[in-house]
């Protein structure tokens, strides 16, 4: 297995299980309803806001992997439509799963040599840094989601 295949595998495990931490995003979200996903706990972001935020960066990298310019800006990474119903929540979960699989597939098919090329602009480093960054960023927010979920579901 080459490095891009390994990174893709690691990303899929983050979403669907089998990773070293034993925690996966989709499993943790499987028993969260739309009201829990939008519940405000202290000054934390909501679960839904964190999912949107994660998707924002996944989609930014997908855009570059598709050969398009990077147009994402951090200041918009938490902007998202409201979740006002079970249908809104399901649509977000479906989009999250689809985007994650698209990202994993694109990384899996990426020639390993591409990892060391400049990503969009020199200030962003190389493809490896950005792909690995998405994986690390997603793990970080998964931890937050797990904790917020425990607080919300214990209330």
Foldseek 3Di string as FASTA:
>chain_A
DDDLLVLLVLLVCQAVNDDPVRDHDVVLCVPQALCQQCDDDDPDHGVLLLLQLLLLLLVQLLCVLVVHARDDDPVCSRDDDRRDHRVSVVVSSVVSVVSSNSSSVSSNPDDPVQQQDDRNDPVQGGNVSSSVVSSVSSVVVSVVNNVSSVVSVVD
